[in-house]
C-alpha atoms as a PDB file:
ATOM      1  CA  MET A   1     -86.494  20.663   3.223  1.00  0.00           C
ATOM      2  CA  ALA A   2     -87.451  16.981   1.426  1.00  0.00           C
ATOM      3  CA  ASP A   3     -90.419  15.936   0.511  1.00  0.00           C
ATOM      4  CA  VAL A   4     -91.631  12.734   2.005  1.00  0.00           C
ATOM      5  CA  SER A   5     -95.184  12.882   1.024  1.00  0.00           C
ATOM      6  CA  LYS A   6     -94.460  10.823  -2.194  1.00  0.00           C
ATOM      7  CA  LEU A   7     -92.545   8.005  -0.416  1.00  0.00           C
ATOM      8  CA  LYS A   8     -94.341   4.682   0.170  1.00  0.00           C
ATOM      9  CA  LYS A   9     -95.561   3.500   3.528  1.00  0.00           C
ATOM     10  CA  ALA A  10     -95.750   0.234   3.623  1.00  0.00           C
ATOM     11  CA  SER A  11     -93.482  -2.488   1.808  1.00  0.00           C
ATOM     12  CA  ARG A  12     -94.352  -4.668  -0.492  1.00  0.00           C
ATOM     13  CA  LEU A  13     -92.473  -7.417   1.071  1.00  0.00           C
ATOM     14  CA  GLY A  14     -94.809  -8.038   3.910  1.00  0.00           C
ATOM     15  CA  PRO A  15     -94.211  -8.580   7.609  1.00  0.00           C
ATOM     16  CA  PRO A  16     -91.050 -10.235   8.244  1.00  0.00           C
ATOM     17  CA  PRO A  17     -91.168 -14.151   8.976  1.00  0.00           C
ATOM     18  CA  ALA A  18     -91.827 -15.175  12.726  1.00  0.00           C
ATOM     19  CA  ALA A  19     -88.105 -16.217  14.548  1.00  0.00           C
ATOM     20  CA  GLU A  20     -89.411 -19.866  14.804  1.00  0.00           C
ATOM     21  CA  GLU A  21     -89.731 -19.713  11.168  1.00  0.00           C
ATOM     22  CA  ALA A  22     -85.894 -17.841  10.553  1.00  0.00           C
ATOM     23  CA  SER A  23     -83.099 -20.024   9.203  1.00  0.00           C
ATOM     24  CA  GLY A  24     -80.922 -20.980  12.865  1.00  0.00           C
ATOM     25  CA  ASN A  25     -77.883 -21.417  10.369  1.00  0.00           C
ATOM     26  CA  LEU A  26     -76.332 -17.820  12.586  1.00  0.00           C
ATOM     27  CA  ALA A  27     -76.442 -19.911  15.498  1.00  0.00           C
ATOM     28  CA  ALA A  28     -74.752 -22.786  13.782  1.00  0.00           C
ATOM     29  CA  PRO A  29     -70.903 -23.105  14.385  1.00  0.00           C
ATOM     30  CA  GLU A  30     -68.702 -22.052  11.160  1.00  0.00           C
ATOM     31  CA  ILE A  31     -66.944 -24.745   9.680  1.00  0.00           C
ATOM     32  CA  ALA A  32     -63.465 -23.780   7.634  1.00  0.00           C
ATOM     33  CA  PRO A  33     -62.491 -25.893   4.668  1.00  0.00           C
ATOM     34  CA  ALA A  34     -60.104 -27.957   5.172  1.00  0.00           C
ATOM     35  CA  PRO A  35     -56.497 -27.089   3.744  1.00  0.00           C
ATOM     36  CA  THR A  36     -55.904 -28.761   0.533  1.00  0.00           C
ATOM     37  CA  ALA A  37     -52.679 -30.573  -0.486  1.00  0.00           C
ATOM     38  CA  THR A  38     -51.692 -27.594  -2.754  1.00  0.00           C
ATOM     39  CA  ALA A  39     -51.711 -24.887  -0.035  1.00  0.00           C
ATOM     40  CA  SER A  40     -48.626 -23.511   0.481  1.00  0.00           C
ATOM     41  CA  PRO A  41     -46.558 -24.534   4.167  1.00  0.00           C
ATOM     42  CA  TYR A  42     -45.260 -21.191   3.707  1.00  0.00           C
ATOM     43  CA  ARG A  43     -46.243 -19.048   6.959  1.00  0.00           C
ATOM     44  CA  ARG A  44     -44.863 -15.211   7.459  1.00  0.00           C
ATOM     45  CA  ARG A  45     -43.377 -14.576  10.681  1.00  0.00           C
ATOM     46  CA  ASP A  46     -44.242 -11.677  12.591  1.00  0.00           C
ATOM     47  CA  MET A  47     -41.150  -9.587  13.697  1.00  0.00           C
ATOM     48  CA  ARG A  48     -41.966  -6.686  15.244  1.00  0.00           C
ATOM     49  CA  SER A  49     -40.743  -5.889  18.452  1.00  0.00           C
ATOM     50  CA  ALA A  50     -41.455  -3.205  21.389  1.00  0.00           C
ATOM     51  CA  ARG A  51     -37.523  -2.601  22.060  1.00  0.00           C
ATOM     52  CA  ARG A  52     -36.067   0.804  20.766  1.00  0.00           C
ATOM     53  CA  THR A  53     -33.465   0.384  17.726  1.00  0.00           C
ATOM     54  CA  ASN A  54     -32.633   4.312  17.385  1.00  0.00           C
ATOM     55  CA  ARG A  55     -33.691   3.248  13.810  1.00  0.00           C
ATOM     56  CA  THR A  56     -35.898   6.132  12.372  1.00  0.00           C
ATOM     57  CA  LEU A  57     -35.577   5.861   8.190  1.00  0.00           C
ATOM     58  CA  PRO A  58     -37.896   3.770   6.829  1.00  0.00           C
ATOM     59  CA  PHE A  59     -36.790   0.838   3.996  1.00  0.00           C
ATOM     60  CA  ALA A  60     -39.371  -0.667   2.549  1.00  0.00           C
ATOM     61  CA  THR A  61     -38.949  -2.893  -0.527  1.00  0.00           C
ATOM     62  CA  ARG A  62     -40.783  -5.938  -2.293  1.00  0.00           C
ATOM     63  CA  VAL A  63     -38.988  -9.193  -2.259  1.00  0.00           C
ATOM     64  CA  SER A  64     -40.177 -12.988  -2.885  1.00  0.00           C
ATOM     65  CA  PRO A  65     -41.917 -15.215  -0.339  1.00  0.00           C
ATOM     66  CA  GLU A  66     -38.231 -17.017  -0.488  1.00  0.00           C
ATOM     67  CA  PHE A  67     -36.453 -14.748   0.416  1.00  0.00           C
ATOM     68  CA  ASP A  68     -38.766 -13.299   3.114  1.00  0.00           C
ATOM     69  CA  GLU A  69     -39.384 -16.733   4.649  1.00  0.00           C
ATOM     70  CA  ARG A  70     -35.208 -17.296   4.531  1.00  0.00           C
ATOM     71  CA  ILE A  71     -34.630 -14.197   6.046  1.00  0.00           C
ATOM     72  CA  ARG A  72     -37.413 -14.199   8.775  1.00  0.00           C
ATOM     73  CA  ALA A  73     -36.329 -17.695  10.002  1.00  0.00           C
ATOM     74  CA  ILE A  74     -32.884 -16.500  10.223  1.00  0.00           C
ATOM     75  CA  ALA A  75     -33.906 -13.921  12.528  1.00  0.00           C
ATOM     76  CA  GLU A  76     -36.242 -15.784  14.709  1.00  0.00           C
ATOM     77  CA  ARG A  77     -33.150 -18.270  15.157  1.00  0.00           C
ATOM     78  CA  ASP A  78     -31.147 -15.798  15.756  1.00  0.00           C
ATOM     79  CA  GLY A  79     -33.167 -13.456  17.846  1.00  0.00           C
ATOM     80  CA  LEU A  80     -32.186 -10.948  15.718  1.00  0.00           C
ATOM     81  CA  LEU A  81     -34.322  -8.151  14.012  1.00  0.00           C
ATOM     82  CA  LEU A  82     -34.914  -8.101  10.536  1.00  0.00           C
ATOM     83  CA  VAL A  83     -32.796  -5.148  10.027  1.00  0.00           C
ATOM     84  CA  GLU A  84     -30.064  -6.387  11.920  1.00  0.00           C
ATOM     85  CA  VAL A  85     -29.844  -9.652   9.656  1.00  0.00           C
ATOM     86  CA  MET A  86     -29.681  -7.308   6.936  1.00  0.00           C
ATOM     87  CA  GLU A  87     -27.409  -5.135   8.006  1.00  0.00           C
ATOM     88  CA  ARG A  88     -24.774  -8.244   8.788  1.00  0.00           C
ATOM     89  CA  ALA A  89     -25.804  -9.292   5.939  1.00  0.00           C
ATOM     90  CA  LEU A  90     -24.403  -6.069   4.042  1.00  0.00           C
ATOM     91  CA  ASP A  91     -21.041  -5.920   6.515  1.00  0.00           C
ATOM     92  CA  ALA A  92     -20.435  -9.424   5.080  1.00  0.00           C
ATOM     93  CA  TYR A  93     -21.145  -8.777   1.401  1.00  0.00           C
ATOM     94  CA  GLU A  94     -18.523  -5.665   1.625  1.00  0.00           C
ATOM     95  CA  ALA A  95     -16.267  -7.666   3.474  1.00  0.00           C
ATOM     96  CA  GLN A  96     -15.988 -10.370   0.672  1.00  0.00           C
ATOM     97  CA  ARG A  97     -15.981  -7.522  -1.976  1.00  0.00           C
ATOM     98  CA  SER A  98     -12.642  -5.885  -0.150  1.00  0.00           C
END
């Protein structure tokens, strides 16, 4: 069992201030900083879908923000999943190489 007899009984800080003396900053509304001119207008689109695709193999890679923006814009415009855009791109690439 731990020996707690050596612990200090009272804090050296004294009692907490009264509620009237406390700062009201927690009740104040939060103000976010204004966007700067250097901020990128890029917004990553969330293309998750609830429909079943029968695709079970995960495929992860790293791409540039520009590529991500382009492929997500195409998928959103045409109402496709990202994988469907990549499948069509692969089909077109193979057809061009034949």
